[in-house]
N, C-alpha and C. Protein backbone atom coordinates (compact mmCIF):
# COMPACT_ATOMS: atom_id res chain seq x y z
N MET A 1 -49.09 67.76 18.20
CA MET A 1 -50.19 67.77 19.61
C MET A 1 -48.62 66.44 19.75
N ARG A 2 -48.46 66.45 21.42
CA ARG A 2 -47.58 65.49 21.97
C ARG A 2 -48.38 64.13 21.80
N LEU A 3 -47.34 63.30 21.52
CA LEU A 3 -47.24 61.71 21.26
C LEU A 3 -48.40 61.13 22.32
N ASP A 4 -47.89 61.28 23.32
CA ASP A 4 -48.81 60.79 24.75
C ASP A 4 -49.91 60.50 24.77
N LYS A 5 -50.08 62.02 24.27
CA LYS A 5 -51.76 63.17 24.02
C LYS A 5 -52.63 62.17 22.88
N PHE A 6 -51.46 61.93 21.85
CA PHE A 6 -52.32 61.67 20.66
C PHE A 6 -52.65 60.04 20.75
N LEU A 7 -51.63 59.27 22.04
CA LEU A 7 -52.08 57.89 21.73
C LEU A 7 -53.64 57.48 22.54
N GLN A 8 -53.46 58.56 23.71
CA GLN A 8 -54.25 58.81 24.83
C GLN A 8 -55.85 59.15 23.82
N VAL A 9 -55.91 60.43 23.13
CA VAL A 9 -56.93 60.49 22.63
C VAL A 9 -57.46 59.88 21.61
N SER A 10 -57.30 58.94 20.67
CA SER A 10 -57.33 58.24 19.68
C SER A 10 -57.56 57.29 20.34
N ARG A 11 -57.03 56.84 21.87
CA ARG A 11 -58.09 55.39 22.27
C ARG A 11 -56.68 54.28 21.41
N LEU A 12 -55.25 54.91 21.06
CA LEU A 12 -54.84 53.43 20.83
C LEU A 12 -54.16 52.93 22.44
N VAL A 13 -53.78 53.72 23.16
CA VAL A 13 -53.73 53.32 24.62
C VAL A 13 -54.44 54.09 25.84
N LYS A 14 -54.85 53.49 26.61
CA LYS A 14 -55.87 54.03 27.42
C LYS A 14 -55.60 55.22 28.69
N ARG A 15 -54.44 54.87 28.70
CA ARG A 15 -54.34 56.23 29.52
C ARG A 15 -52.67 56.38 29.19
N ARG A 16 -52.72 58.18 29.45
CA ARG A 16 -51.70 59.04 29.15
C ARG A 16 -50.32 58.14 29.77
N ALA A 17 -50.46 58.28 30.56
CA ALA A 17 -49.26 57.50 31.54
C ALA A 17 -49.14 56.69 30.95
N LEU A 18 -50.09 55.52 30.28
CA LEU A 18 -49.30 54.28 30.25
C LEU A 18 -48.70 54.54 28.65
N ALA A 19 -49.20 55.60 27.94
CA ALA A 19 -48.20 55.93 26.44
C ALA A 19 -47.14 56.36 27.07
N LYS A 20 -47.02 57.55 28.05
CA LYS A 20 -45.44 57.92 28.45
C LYS A 20 -44.68 56.55 28.62
N GLU A 21 -45.13 55.77 29.73
CA GLU A 21 -44.41 54.54 29.87
C GLU A 21 -43.78 53.71 28.92
N MET A 22 -44.74 53.33 27.66
CA MET A 22 -44.81 52.49 26.54
C MET A 22 -43.15 53.38 25.82
N CYS A 23 -43.51 54.83 25.71
CA CYS A 23 -42.23 55.58 24.92
C CYS A 23 -40.74 55.38 25.89
N VAL A 24 -41.08 55.49 27.40
CA VAL A 24 -39.96 55.11 27.65
C VAL A 24 -39.35 53.71 27.61
N ARG A 25 -39.66 52.88 27.70
CA ARG A 25 -39.43 51.66 27.32
C ARG A 25 -38.89 51.11 26.12
N GLY A 26 -39.05 52.22 25.38
CA GLY A 26 -38.54 52.15 23.40
C GLY A 26 -40.02 51.09 22.81
N GLN A 27 -41.03 51.11 23.43
CA GLN A 27 -42.05 50.33 22.49
C GLN A 27 -42.91 51.20 21.68
N VAL A 28 -43.18 52.44 21.08
CA VAL A 28 -43.35 53.28 20.86
C VAL A 28 -42.47 53.87 19.54
N THR A 29 -42.63 54.11 18.22
CA THR A 29 -41.88 54.26 17.32
C THR A 29 -42.41 54.88 16.12
N VAL A 30 -42.01 56.40 15.86
CA VAL A 30 -42.50 57.28 14.85
C VAL A 30 -41.80 57.03 13.14
N ASN A 31 -42.36 57.05 12.68
CA ASN A 31 -41.77 56.96 11.15
C ASN A 31 -40.03 56.26 10.94
N GLY A 32 -40.13 54.88 12.20
CA GLY A 32 -39.03 53.86 12.42
C GLY A 32 -37.81 54.17 13.24
N GLY A 33 -38.11 55.25 14.13
CA GLY A 33 -37.61 55.66 14.97
C GLY A 33 -37.88 55.60 16.33
N VAL A 34 -37.09 55.49 17.54
CA VAL A 34 -38.07 55.16 18.93
C VAL A 34 -38.15 56.72 18.85
N ALA A 35 -39.57 57.05 19.67
CA ALA A 35 -40.12 58.11 20.42
C ALA A 35 -40.12 58.80 21.86
N LYS A 36 -40.19 59.83 22.25
CA LYS A 36 -40.30 60.49 23.64
C LYS A 36 -41.96 60.58 23.25
N ALA A 37 -41.83 60.83 24.60
CA ALA A 37 -43.78 60.55 24.79
C ALA A 37 -44.00 62.15 24.25
N ALA A 38 -43.25 63.37 24.32
CA ALA A 38 -43.13 64.63 24.08
C ALA A 38 -43.07 64.75 23.02
N ARG A 39 -42.62 64.20 21.86
CA ARG A 39 -42.39 64.23 20.67
C ARG A 39 -43.83 64.85 19.67
N ASP A 40 -43.63 65.81 18.76
CA ASP A 40 -45.16 66.01 18.58
C ASP A 40 -45.03 64.87 16.95
N VAL A 41 -46.54 64.83 16.86
CA VAL A 41 -46.80 64.39 15.99
C VAL A 41 -47.45 64.60 15.06
N ALA A 42 -47.69 64.92 13.40
CA ALA A 42 -48.08 65.05 12.65
C ALA A 42 -48.86 64.58 11.54
N VAL A 43 -50.05 65.02 10.88
CA VAL A 43 -51.01 63.73 9.74
C VAL A 43 -49.48 63.38 9.03
N GLY A 44 -49.55 61.98 8.71
CA GLY A 44 -48.97 61.58 7.78
C GLY A 44 -47.97 60.93 8.75
N ASP A 45 -47.51 60.81 9.50
CA ASP A 45 -46.43 60.34 11.17
C ASP A 45 -46.65 58.85 10.51
N VAL A 46 -45.97 58.19 10.64
CA VAL A 46 -46.31 56.21 11.55
C VAL A 46 -46.31 55.92 12.46
N ILE A 47 -47.06 55.87 13.29
CA ILE A 47 -46.85 55.54 14.38
C ILE A 47 -46.57 53.73 14.69
N ALA A 48 -45.89 52.88 15.59
CA ALA A 48 -46.09 51.58 15.57
C ALA A 48 -45.76 51.47 16.95
N LEU A 49 -46.74 50.49 17.47
CA LEU A 49 -46.93 50.35 19.33
C LEU A 49 -46.66 48.71 19.79
N ASP A 50 -45.55 48.64 20.30
CA ASP A 50 -45.01 47.17 20.52
C ASP A 50 -45.39 47.04 21.87
N PHE A 51 -47.02 45.55 21.58
CA PHE A 51 -47.79 46.08 23.16
C PHE A 51 -47.12 44.27 23.52
N GLY A 52 -46.13 43.55 22.91
CA GLY A 52 -45.42 42.36 23.03
C GLY A 52 -46.33 41.02 22.88
N TRP A 53 -47.30 41.28 23.17
CA TRP A 53 -48.46 40.06 21.82
C TRP A 53 -49.01 40.61 20.29
N ARG A 54 -48.87 41.85 20.47
CA ARG A 54 -48.84 42.64 19.10
C ARG A 54 -48.47 43.37 19.06
N VAL A 55 -47.90 43.80 17.78
CA VAL A 55 -47.62 44.95 17.31
C VAL A 55 -48.75 45.73 16.31
N LEU A 56 -49.22 46.95 16.55
CA LEU A 56 -49.67 48.00 15.53
C LEU A 56 -49.33 48.78 15.37
N GLU A 57 -49.08 48.92 13.95
CA GLU A 57 -49.27 50.35 12.81
C GLU A 57 -49.92 51.11 12.56
N VAL A 58 -49.56 52.54 13.04
CA VAL A 58 -51.03 53.07 12.37
C VAL A 58 -50.39 55.02 11.60
N GLU A 59 -51.44 54.81 10.60
CA GLU A 59 -50.95 56.08 10.03
C GLU A 59 -51.45 57.23 10.61
N VAL A 60 -50.40 58.44 11.09
CA VAL A 60 -52.00 59.55 11.29
C VAL A 60 -52.57 60.32 10.34
N THR A 61 -54.03 60.27 10.08
CA THR A 61 -54.48 60.76 9.19
C THR A 61 -54.72 62.43 9.47
N ALA A 62 -55.76 62.67 11.07
CA ALA A 62 -55.88 64.16 11.25
C ALA A 62 -55.85 63.87 12.86
N LEU A 63 -55.27 65.48 13.08
CA LEU A 63 -55.18 65.85 14.84
C LEU A 63 -56.61 66.13 15.04
N PRO A 64 -56.35 66.32 16.19
CA PRO A 64 -57.90 66.41 17.12
C PRO A 64 -58.64 68.09 16.72
N ALA A 65 -59.03 68.09 16.26
CA ALA A 65 -59.81 69.85 16.37
C ALA A 65 -61.04 70.20 17.63
N GLY A 66 -61.10 69.49 18.14
CA GLY A 66 -62.13 70.09 19.43
C GLY A 66 -62.51 68.66 19.64
N ALA A 67 -63.57 68.81 20.81
CA ALA A 67 -64.48 67.56 21.36
C ALA A 67 -64.63 66.40 20.23
N GLY A 68 -65.15 66.86 18.76
CA GLY A 68 -65.86 65.94 17.93
C GLY A 68 -64.64 65.03 17.81
N THR A 69 -63.51 64.82 17.39
CA THR A 69 -62.62 64.33 16.85
C THR A 69 -62.49 63.55 17.70
N LYS A 70 -62.37 62.19 17.72
CA LYS A 70 -61.64 61.33 18.58
C LYS A 70 -61.34 59.73 17.66
N GLY A 71 -60.75 59.11 18.58
CA GLY A 71 -60.73 57.59 18.20
C GLY A 71 -60.39 56.97 16.64
N ARG A 72 -60.90 56.39 16.19
CA ARG A 72 -60.48 56.22 14.45
C ARG A 72 -61.06 56.89 13.61
N ASP A 73 -61.21 58.18 13.75
CA ASP A 73 -61.53 59.62 13.10
C ASP A 73 -59.59 59.54 12.84
N LEU A 74 -58.99 59.69 13.86
CA LEU A 74 -57.59 60.09 14.10
C LEU A 74 -56.36 59.45 12.98
N TYR A 75 -56.18 57.95 12.96
CA TYR A 75 -55.67 57.29 12.14
C TYR A 75 -56.24 56.08 11.70
N ARG A 76 -55.44 55.32 10.47
CA ARG A 76 -55.25 54.57 9.75
C ARG A 76 -54.63 53.37 10.05
N VAL A 77 -55.58 52.34 10.18
CA VAL A 77 -54.00 50.86 10.35
C VAL A 77 -53.57 50.64 9.26
N VAL A 78 -52.05 50.57 9.07
CA VAL A 78 -51.46 50.37 8.28
C VAL A 78 -51.33 48.23 8.38
N ARG A 79 -50.76 48.03 9.57
CA ARG A 79 -50.41 46.83 10.02
C ARG A 79 -50.98 46.45 11.35
N VAL A 80 -51.17 44.85 11.29
CA VAL A 80 -51.14 44.45 12.57
C VAL A 80 -50.01 43.16 12.55
N GLU A 81 -49.77 42.45 13.27
CA GLU A 81 -48.42 41.57 13.73
C GLU A 81 -48.86 40.76 14.76
N ARG A 82 -49.69 39.97 14.87
CA ARG A 82 -49.85 38.91 15.64
C ARG A 82 -48.10 38.10 16.78
N ARG A 83 -48.49 38.48 17.89
CA ARG A 83 -47.67 37.17 18.21
C ARG A 83 -47.88 35.85 19.17
N ASP A 84 -47.37 34.93 19.02
CA ASP A 84 -47.67 34.00 20.08
C ASP A 84 -47.33 34.26 21.12
N PRO A 85 -48.17 34.20 22.16
CA PRO A 85 -47.75 34.57 23.70
C PRO A 85 -46.44 33.32 24.82
N GLY A 86 -46.37 32.21 23.59
CA GLY A 86 -45.44 31.41 24.35
C GLY A 86 -45.56 30.85 24.97
N VAL A 87 -47.05 30.44 25.57
CA VAL A 87 -47.68 29.92 26.51
C VAL A 87 -47.06 28.24 26.70
């Protein structure tokens, strides 16, 4: 499954277009390397999302197998790092 589609189906990112944009900006890494939106995701991959104010790192535990598998069933949170917004 494509990375941008996985991010949308798992509800880590609200829209697929936003997931693609984050990949273009270099805000998404898979297994430590900057990833393109079309990269294939496999079980066991570690995805890190840099939202600016927060970094979320998750491990892929399953791929969608139809309409019933969505959201939190697809990943396990490895690390959450919160940043000061600098206000």
